[in-house]
Structures are given as structure tokens and as C-alpha cells.
Amino acid sequence: DLADGFELDSAPAYAVFSSMLDEVFQVEQLGHSVPNVATFGPRPYLRPMRAAPRSLRSGILVADRALARVFVGFEGAIRELGSLIEADIGKPNFGGFAGYAERNVRSRADEVSAKLWKEAGSRLLEAHLDRPFDYMAIGGHGETVEDIAASVHPYLTELPRVSFPASPQSAGGSSMRSQLADLDNEVRRQGQDALAGRVCDTAWSGGNAVLGLSEVLAAANAQGIDTLVIAGDFSRRGAICDLCGHLSREGGTCPICDIPMFEVADVVGSVMDATVAAGGRAVQLRVASPVDSHGVGAITRFPLPLGS
């Protein structure tokens, strides 16, 4: 009965949860596309929702040596902080100046530009202290990007950073909105690259990390997963005990509760649920990495017994 409405609405996707036994029928609009899937079981299937990319809040500074603009980006929306900041750097063409005088003019221009960038950075810092950014983006050209970065507060330079070619004259709301998705995706890519490398390096060095579904299931059953990583859409069939949540690759009887386990089409999705329920986080990777050959991996809170 709702199919026609789904077609007419503008939401990228929907999640529908239904249980006649519990008198539940709930429809949730989703802000991201998901693969079409229908499943049943004792617990709701939440993986398509958990796999959604987390919204990022960004501080964006676009500047040259005489002009600067500051923006905050979040969930596809761009908000400019204050008006255009301008600085008088003097005569841009130094022809006719003697060497000493030219150095003085250039030095003053550099000082004025640094003051301009510092003022723009102060606007970003205030917004960051009010509600922290996930990353900082600097729009500019050539060496000015590094000069701008050196002028802002250390709280901002400690954030993940991306840069992009831009000029304050052309940086408006519409152009920045189209740029924001690319900036967010680049930061996510960098973060996922680093996370996948950390999981694999820690596991290979014998630290608190595991690779492979069997090892990850054992870690989930021990409530020991701090961070779960999944290689794309990797999934496998498995089983879950609806009473205690014990997970297994095979069905049969729960070793904890001694009751029949329920087979599920995607036990990886159940691991995501167990990880979040135990206070960890789950990340579905969208980058190629060494995790691909294992399917899943996890950073654990403590060492797991051999053969667990």
C-alpha cells in the first residue's frame, strides 16, 4: 500500500520494520542509498543503516594574500561565518623599488597576509570550540595553503586536513556546496585507509586486533570489540541466539543457553549490532585495503585467548 508513496517521495531509501506479533509497523526515511534487501528474524536487520557514512562537520577557510572567507559545512549545507575579510597588502607590482625598499614592502605584505589568515582562523576556532569540527579544509593556491595553515590556531592544525584549489572571489554558497561532498569523501577515504592499516598492522604484530570472520565472531561474543571494520559489502550466513545474542557460523544449539539458534542471512550485520551494543563502533570500508582478503577485522579491547 505504501509503494506508490515511496516512488513519489524524495528520500533516497526507506527502512521498514514490521512485526505482527509485537504490533510494530515502522517506516524510516534514510538519507543515503542502500541495497535492496528483505529479511526476517528475531531481531531487526540494521546493517544498511549502520553502514551509512557518518555526517562530518568541517571548518573551511578560503583565502589568498588579500582576501579570506570562512565557512562551516555539515550534512551538505554550507554556512558562511561573517563577511569577506580584506587586507591592504600594498602595491602588488614591486617594479621600481630598490632592493631594500622592496624587501620592506614584501615583508609588510607578508605580515598583513598572516594577520588576515589569523583573523579568519579565529572565526573558525570560535566555531570549533562551540561545536568541534571533524576536519579542516583550506582553499587556496600554491604555497599559500601551507602559509595559511601555519597561521591558524594549533587546535585547528591538529585536525585532519585537506586542501583544494579555490579563490575567495569565486567561493560562494553554491560553489562550496558542490565542493563539500568531495571534501567529506576525501577525509573519509583518508580515515578509512588509516584505520584499515592500523587494524592489519596491529593484528600482524600480535597486538589487540583480529582478522577473519571466525576470530571476529569470538571477539564479539566476548564483548571485546572496540572497532569493527568490514570490507565493503562482505557478508556470510550464520546464526544467533535470540536469548543471549551468541553468534556462530553454524546453527544448532547455543553453547550458552542450550536453546536452538536462529539462522541469519548476514551474520556480519549481527556482529555490527553486537559491537555497537557493547559500546564499540562499526565501520564499513569503502576503500581497497588488506582487510579485503579477510572480509572483516577488529581492534579489540583486550587479548583474546588462542583458539577462542
Protein backbone atom coordinates (compact mmCIF):
# COMPACT_ATOMS: atom_id res chain seq x y z
CA ASP A 1 0.00 0.00 0.00
CA LEU A 2 2.94 2.36 0.60
CA ALA A 3 4.79 1.55 -2.64
CA ASP A 4 3.34 4.45 -4.66
CA GLY A 5 4.25 6.89 -1.90
CA PHE A 6 7.80 5.61 -1.83
CA GLU A 7 8.11 6.26 -5.55
CA LEU A 8 6.82 9.84 -5.24
CA ASP A 9 8.81 10.89 -2.17
CA SER A 10 12.31 12.30 -2.48
CA ALA A 11 14.06 10.16 0.16
CA PRO A 12 16.96 8.09 -1.25
CA ALA A 13 15.76 4.97 0.60
CA TYR A 14 13.50 3.62 3.32
CA ALA A 15 13.77 1.14 6.17
CA VAL A 16 10.62 -0.75 7.09
CA PHE A 17 10.27 -2.78 10.30
CA SER A 18 7.23 -4.96 10.82
CA SER A 19 6.13 -7.46 13.45
CA MET A 20 2.56 -8.67 13.72
CA LEU A 21 3.46 -10.42 16.99
CA ASP A 22 4.62 -7.15 18.57
CA GLU A 23 2.16 -4.93 16.69
CA VAL A 24 5.03 -2.97 15.14
CA PHE A 25 4.99 -1.30 11.74
CA GLN A 26 7.59 1.46 11.43
CA VAL A 27 8.85 3.27 8.34
CA GLU A 28 12.02 5.35 8.48
CA GLN A 29 13.30 7.66 5.74
CA LEU A 30 17.02 7.24 5.10
CA GLY A 31 19.36 9.99 3.95
CA HIS A 32 21.53 7.65 1.88
CA SER A 33 21.08 4.94 -0.75
CA VAL A 34 21.10 1.31 0.37
CA PRO A 35 20.98 -2.02 -1.48
CA ASN A 36 17.53 -3.55 -1.75
CA VAL A 37 17.19 -6.30 0.85
CA ALA A 38 14.36 -8.11 2.60
CA THR A 39 14.98 -10.39 5.56
CA PHE A 40 13.30 -11.81 8.62
CA GLY A 41 14.41 -12.93 12.02
CA PRO A 42 14.07 -12.37 15.76
CA ARG A 43 15.88 -9.01 15.57
CA PRO A 44 15.65 -6.08 13.13
CA TYR A 45 18.23 -6.01 10.34
CA LEU A 46 20.08 -2.72 10.85
CA ARG A 47 23.24 -3.12 8.77
CA PRO A 48 22.08 -0.87 5.90
CA MET A 49 21.53 1.89 8.46
CA ARG A 50 24.74 1.24 10.41
CA ALA A 51 26.79 1.27 7.20
CA ALA A 52 25.76 4.84 6.40
CA PRO A 53 28.66 7.29 6.28
CA ARG A 54 28.77 9.45 9.39
CA SER A 55 27.98 13.12 8.86
CA LEU A 56 31.10 15.28 9.09
CA ARG A 57 31.34 18.84 10.37
CA SER A 58 34.04 20.87 8.65
CA GLY A 59 35.70 24.23 9.03
CA ILE A 60 36.64 25.71 5.65
CA LEU A 61 38.97 28.66 5.08
CA VAL A 62 39.35 30.01 1.53
CA ALA A 63 41.95 32.73 1.10
CA ASP A 64 44.62 34.42 -0.96
CA ARG A 65 47.02 37.06 0.30
CA ALA A 66 44.43 39.86 0.36
CA LEU A 67 41.03 38.22 0.91
CA ALA A 68 39.60 35.45 3.10
CA ARG A 69 36.23 33.77 3.61
CA VAL A 70 35.26 31.27 6.29
CA PHE A 71 32.58 28.56 6.09
CA VAL A 72 31.18 25.73 8.18
CA GLY A 73 29.95 22.63 6.37
CA PHE A 74 27.63 19.95 7.75
CA GLU A 75 25.29 17.42 6.12
CA GLY A 76 25.58 19.03 2.70
CA ALA A 77 24.82 22.55 3.94
CA ILE A 78 27.26 25.46 3.92
CA ARG A 79 27.13 28.45 6.27
CA GLU A 80 29.44 31.42 5.90
CA LEU A 81 30.85 32.89 9.12
CA GLY A 82 30.72 36.65 8.86
CA SER A 83 31.53 38.75 5.84
CA LEU A 84 34.51 38.80 3.50
CA ILE A 85 37.76 39.68 5.29
CA GLU A 86 40.01 42.08 3.37
CA ALA A 87 43.58 43.27 3.86
CA ASP A 88 45.59 46.02 2.19
CA ILE A 89 48.85 44.41 1.18
CA GLY A 90 50.04 47.43 -0.78
CA LYS A 91 51.27 47.55 -4.33
CA PRO A 92 51.32 44.03 -5.86
CA ASN A 93 53.87 45.04 -8.53
CA PHE A 94 57.24 45.78 -6.93
CA GLY A 95 58.83 47.21 -10.07
CA GLY A 96 60.71 50.43 -9.41
CA PHE A 97 61.54 49.68 -5.78
CA ALA A 98 65.16 49.48 -4.78
CA GLY A 99 66.23 46.22 -3.19
CA TYR A 100 65.96 47.31 0.45
CA ALA A 101 62.68 49.14 -0.07
CA GLU A 102 61.26 46.19 -1.98
CA ARG A 103 62.15 43.81 0.84
CA ASN A 104 60.39 46.11 3.30
CA VAL A 105 57.26 46.23 1.15
CA ARG A 106 57.25 42.46 0.70
CA SER A 107 57.81 41.93 4.42
CA ARG A 108 54.93 44.22 5.30
CA ALA A 109 52.69 42.45 2.77
CA ASP A 110 53.56 39.08 4.32
CA GLU A 111 52.76 40.40 7.80
CA VAL A 112 49.41 41.79 6.64
CA SER A 113 48.52 38.49 4.94
CA ALA A 114 49.46 36.50 8.04
CA LYS A 115 47.25 38.79 10.14
CA LEU A 116 44.41 38.28 7.65
CA TRP A 117 44.70 34.49 7.84
CA LYS A 118 44.95 34.60 11.64
CA GLU A 119 41.73 36.64 11.84
CA ALA A 120 39.97 34.14 9.56
CA GLY A 121 41.35 31.29 11.66
CA SER A 122 39.99 32.95 14.80
CA ARG A 123 36.48 32.77 13.36
CA LEU A 124 36.94 29.07 12.70
CA LEU A 125 38.41 28.48 16.16
CA GLU A 126 35.39 30.06 17.83
CA ALA A 127 33.04 27.81 15.86
CA HIS A 128 35.24 24.78 16.60
CA LEU A 129 35.20 25.44 20.34
CA ASP A 130 31.42 25.82 20.23
CA ARG A 131 30.97 22.55 18.33
CA PRO A 132 34.10 20.65 17.25
CA PHE A 133 34.96 20.11 13.61
CA ASP A 134 35.81 16.68 12.25
CA TYR A 135 38.32 18.21 9.86
CA MET A 136 39.62 21.46 8.43
CA ALA A 137 39.77 22.36 4.73
CA ILE A 138 41.92 25.11 3.22
CA GLY A 139 41.15 26.52 -0.20
CA GLY A 140 43.91 28.43 -1.93
CA HIS A 141 46.71 28.23 -4.47
CA GLY A 142 50.30 27.08 -4.33
CA GLU A 143 52.41 27.80 -1.30
CA THR A 144 49.73 29.97 0.32
CA VAL A 145 47.93 26.85 1.57
CA GLU A 146 50.83 25.92 3.87
CA ASP A 147 51.28 29.54 4.90
CA ILE A 148 47.60 29.74 5.83
CA ALA A 149 47.82 26.51 7.82
CA ALA A 150 50.80 27.86 9.76
CA SER A 151 48.82 30.95 10.74
CA VAL A 152 45.81 29.31 12.41
CA HIS A 153 45.48 28.05 15.99
CA PRO A 154 47.10 24.67 16.85
CA TYR A 155 43.66 23.32 17.83
CA LEU A 156 42.76 23.58 14.14
CA THR A 157 46.05 22.35 12.71
CA GLU A 158 45.76 19.18 14.82
CA LEU A 159 42.58 18.24 12.93
CA PRO A 160 42.64 16.08 9.80
CA ARG A 161 43.22 18.47 6.92
CA VAL A 162 42.50 18.59 3.20
CA SER A 163 43.27 21.33 0.71
CA PHE A 164 41.74 22.27 -2.62
CA PRO A 165 42.30 24.94 -5.30
CA ALA A 166 39.98 27.90 -4.76
CA SER A 167 39.87 31.67 -4.60
CA PRO A 168 37.83 33.79 -2.17
CA GLN A 169 36.43 35.84 -5.06
CA SER A 170 34.64 32.83 -6.54
CA ALA A 171 33.90 30.90 -3.33
CA GLY A 172 30.16 31.30 -2.82
CA GLY A 173 27.46 29.19 -1.25
CA SER A 174 26.61 27.18 -4.39
CA SER A 175 30.22 26.50 -5.38
CA MET A 176 31.15 25.48 -1.84
CA ARG A 177 28.15 23.16 -1.54
CA SER A 178 29.28 21.27 -4.64
CA GLN A 179 32.82 21.10 -3.21
CA LEU A 180 31.71 19.89 0.23
CA ALA A 181 30.81 16.33 -0.82
CA ASP A 182 34.26 15.86 -2.40
CA LEU A 183 35.97 17.18 0.75
CA ASP A 184 33.93 14.89 3.01
CA ASN A 185 34.67 11.87 0.82
CA GLU A 186 38.40 12.62 0.78
CA VAL A 187 38.50 12.85 4.58
CA ARG A 188 36.55 9.60 4.90
CA ARG A 189 38.94 7.91 2.46
CA GLN A 190 41.98 9.07 4.41
CA GLY A 191 40.43 7.96 7.69
CA GLN A 192 39.44 4.55 6.37
CA ASP A 193 42.89 3.98 4.83
CA ALA A 194 44.50 4.76 8.18
CA LEU A 195 42.03 2.61 10.14
CA ALA A 196 42.41 -0.42 7.87
CA GLY A 197 46.18 -0.14 8.12
CA ARG A 198 46.02 0.13 11.90
CA VAL A 199 43.83 -2.98 12.22
CA CYS A 200 46.07 -5.08 9.98
CA ASP A 201 49.37 -3.84 11.40
CA THR A 202 48.16 -4.46 14.96
CA ALA A 203 46.93 -7.97 14.14
CA TRP A 204 50.10 -8.91 12.24
CA SER A 205 52.31 -7.70 15.09
CA GLY A 206 50.41 -9.78 17.65
CA GLY A 207 48.62 -6.84 19.26
CA ASN A 208 44.99 -6.45 20.28
CA ALA A 209 43.41 -7.00 16.88
CA VAL A 210 42.00 -9.90 14.87
CA LEU A 211 41.37 -10.63 11.19
CA GLY A 212 38.84 -13.05 9.71
CA LEU A 213 35.22 -13.83 10.48
CA SER A 214 35.80 -16.68 12.96
CA GLU A 215 38.12 -14.55 15.07
CA VAL A 216 35.79 -11.55 14.88
CA LEU A 217 32.81 -13.68 15.97
CA ALA A 218 34.79 -14.83 19.00
CA ALA A 219 35.69 -11.23 19.84
CA ALA A 220 32.06 -10.16 19.51
CA ASN A 221 30.88 -13.00 21.77
CA ALA A 222 33.41 -11.84 24.37
CA GLN A 223 32.13 -8.24 24.02
CA GLY A 224 35.72 -7.35 23.26
CA ILE A 225 35.44 -5.35 20.01
CA ASP A 226 36.43 -1.72 20.20
CA THR A 227 36.36 -1.03 16.44
CA LEU A 228 34.96 -3.34 13.79
CA VAL A 229 35.95 -2.93 10.12
CA ILE A 230 34.18 -4.63 7.23
CA ALA A 231 35.46 -4.84 3.67
CA GLY A 232 32.62 -3.31 1.68
CA ASP A 233 29.53 -5.49 1.35
CA PHE A 234 31.23 -8.64 2.71
CA SER A 235 28.63 -10.92 4.32
CA ARG A 236 28.22 -14.56 5.33
CA ARG A 237 25.40 -16.70 6.65
CA GLY A 238 25.43 -17.58 10.32
CA ALA A 239 23.30 -17.98 13.41
CA ILE A 240 22.32 -16.03 16.50
CA CYS A 241 20.84 -16.95 19.86
CA ASP A 242 17.89 -14.68 20.40
CA LEU A 243 18.18 -15.04 24.17
CA CYS A 244 21.83 -14.13 24.81
CA GLY A 245 22.96 -12.89 21.36
CA HIS A 246 25.70 -15.51 20.93
CA LEU A 247 26.91 -15.59 17.30
CA SER A 248 28.13 -18.53 15.25
CA ARG A 249 28.88 -19.52 11.67
CA GLU A 250 26.79 -22.63 12.17
CA GLY A 251 23.29 -23.21 13.54
CA GLY A 252 22.44 -25.77 16.17
CA THR A 253 22.22 -25.22 19.90
CA CYS A 254 23.54 -22.16 21.71
CA PRO A 255 26.51 -23.20 23.89
CA ILE A 256 25.48 -20.64 26.50
CA CYS A 257 21.69 -21.02 26.73
CA ASP A 258 21.27 -24.54 25.36
CA ILE A 259 18.42 -23.45 23.07
CA PRO A 260 18.18 -23.59 19.25
CA MET A 261 19.92 -20.74 17.44
CA PHE A 262 18.21 -18.81 14.66
CA GLU A 263 19.90 -18.77 11.25
CA VAL A 264 20.54 -15.34 9.72
CA ALA A 265 21.46 -14.47 6.16
CA ASP A 266 24.10 -11.91 7.23
CA VAL A 267 25.90 -12.68 10.46
CA VAL A 268 28.27 -9.76 9.78
CA GLY A 269 25.31 -7.45 10.28
CA SER A 270 24.70 -9.14 13.63
CA VAL A 271 28.35 -8.53 14.58
CA MET A 272 27.81 -4.84 13.83
CA ASP A 273 24.82 -4.83 16.19
CA ALA A 274 26.77 -6.62 18.91
CA THR A 275 29.71 -4.23 18.56
CA VAL A 276 27.55 -1.12 18.91
CA ALA A 277 25.55 -2.63 21.79
CA ALA A 278 28.83 -3.26 23.66
CA GLY A 279 29.95 0.35 23.19
CA GLY A 280 32.19 -0.09 20.16
CA ARG A 281 31.91 1.29 16.66
CA ALA A 282 31.49 -0.39 13.29
CA VAL A 283 32.94 0.95 10.03
CA GLN A 284 32.09 -0.43 6.60
CA LEU A 285 35.14 0.35 4.45
CA ARG A 286 34.73 1.91 1.03
CA VAL A 287 38.43 1.76 0.14
CA ALA A 288 40.58 -1.12 -1.06
CA SER A 289 42.78 -2.40 1.76
CA PRO A 290 44.46 -5.56 3.14
CA VAL A 291 41.23 -6.21 5.06
CA ASP A 292 39.67 -7.24 1.72
CA SER A 293 41.33 -10.67 1.80
CA HIS A 294 39.92 -11.36 5.29
CA GLY A 295 36.46 -9.84 4.93
CA VAL A 296 36.39 -8.40 8.44
CA GLY A 297 38.77 -7.34 11.17
CA ALA A 298 38.60 -5.71 14.57
CA ILE A 299 40.61 -3.83 17.13
CA THR A 300 39.90 -5.48 20.48
CA ARG A 301 39.82 -4.10 23.99
CA PHE A 302 41.93 -6.94 25.35
CA PRO A 303 43.85 -10.00 24.13
CA LEU A 304 41.65 -12.91 23.15
CA PRO A 305 42.55 -16.47 24.18
CA LEU A 306 44.18 -18.53 21.44
CA GLY A 307 41.65 -20.67 19.62
CA SER A 308 38.69 -18.73 21.04
